[in-house]
Amino acid sequence: MAQFAGDVGGIPVMFTIDNFGAFGRVNWIALGSEEDVDNSLDVLGTSADYVQRLGQTADLFIPGSGNRMPAYRAA
């Protein structure tokens, strides 16, 4: 799914799991500028294939348990 999201959205996406903290926590990390990430989310939101694939994952996640958080690299 990360590969598909990256291909459709146009920026690299990584899928990772935590080795500590909440059990079963996963992360989707998109690499790009703030503008690139916003554009990618816009494209993904209008992609019928992406929305269909998301619908197939409904049983894998707890509704309302996700959050979005920007992270910035300090130069």
Protein backbone atom coordinates (compact mmCIF):
# COMPACT_ATOMS: atom_id res chain seq x y z
CA MET A 1 0.00 0.00 0.00
CA ALA A 2 2.89 2.36 0.75
CA GLN A 3 4.35 1.69 -2.70
CA PHE A 4 0.97 2.28 -4.32
CA ALA A 5 0.41 5.52 -2.37
CA GLY A 6 3.87 6.73 -3.34
CA ASP A 7 3.31 5.93 -6.99
CA VAL A 8 -0.10 7.61 -7.12
CA GLY A 9 0.79 10.56 -4.88
CA GLY A 10 4.15 11.19 -6.49
CA ILE A 11 6.33 11.17 -3.34
CA PRO A 12 8.07 8.32 -1.48
CA VAL A 13 6.08 6.68 1.32
CA MET A 14 7.51 4.34 3.97
CA PHE A 15 5.54 1.97 6.21
CA THR A 16 7.16 1.22 9.57
CA ILE A 17 6.27 -0.39 12.89
CA ASP A 18 7.27 0.75 16.36
CA ASN A 19 9.57 -1.39 18.48
CA PHE A 20 8.45 0.39 21.64
CA GLY A 21 5.42 2.30 22.91
CA ALA A 22 1.87 1.29 22.04
CA PHE A 23 1.63 -2.32 20.88
CA GLY A 24 0.85 -2.61 17.19
CA ARG A 25 1.50 1.02 16.30
CA VAL A 26 2.37 1.57 12.64
CA ASN A 27 3.59 4.66 10.82
CA TRP A 28 3.18 5.95 7.30
CA ILE A 29 5.97 8.39 6.51
CA ALA A 30 5.77 10.52 3.37
CA LEU A 31 8.98 12.24 2.35
CA GLY A 32 8.65 15.64 0.74
CA SER A 33 8.15 19.32 1.28
CA GLU A 34 4.99 20.53 2.99
CA GLU A 35 3.60 21.50 -0.42
CA ASP A 36 4.53 18.10 -1.92
CA VAL A 37 2.77 16.25 0.90
CA ASP A 38 -0.36 18.42 0.60
CA ASN A 39 -0.46 17.86 -3.16
CA SER A 40 0.04 14.13 -2.70
CA LEU A 41 -2.85 13.94 -0.21
CA ASP A 42 -5.08 15.83 -2.66
CA VAL A 43 -4.23 13.39 -5.46
CA LEU A 44 -4.74 10.34 -3.23
CA GLY A 45 -8.09 11.63 -2.02
CA THR A 46 -9.39 11.78 -5.59
CA SER A 47 -7.94 8.43 -6.70
CA ALA A 48 -10.72 5.82 -6.98
CA ASP A 49 -8.15 2.99 -6.81
CA TYR A 50 -6.61 4.37 -3.61
CA VAL A 51 -10.00 4.90 -1.94
CA GLN A 52 -11.07 1.36 -2.90
CA ARG A 53 -7.87 -0.12 -1.45
CA LEU A 54 -8.37 1.84 1.78
CA GLY A 55 -11.86 0.38 2.04
CA GLN A 56 -10.34 -3.11 2.03
CA THR A 57 -8.28 -2.32 5.16
CA ALA A 58 -11.19 -1.33 7.42
CA ASP A 59 -10.77 -4.38 9.70
CA LEU A 60 -7.05 -3.74 10.25
CA PHE A 61 -7.29 -0.46 12.17
CA ILE A 62 -9.23 0.92 15.12
CA PRO A 63 -11.52 3.75 13.94
CA GLY A 64 -10.40 7.14 15.25
CA SER A 65 -7.01 5.87 16.43
CA GLY A 66 -4.91 7.57 13.76
CA ASN A 67 -3.33 11.00 13.73
CA ARG A 68 -1.30 13.13 11.36
CA MET A 69 1.84 14.83 12.52
CA PRO A 70 4.31 16.82 10.46
CA ALA A 71 7.99 16.32 11.15
CA TYR A 72 10.74 18.59 9.94
CA ARG A 73 14.43 17.99 9.52
CA ALA A 74 16.67 20.62 11.06
CA ALA A 75 19.52 21.53 8.75
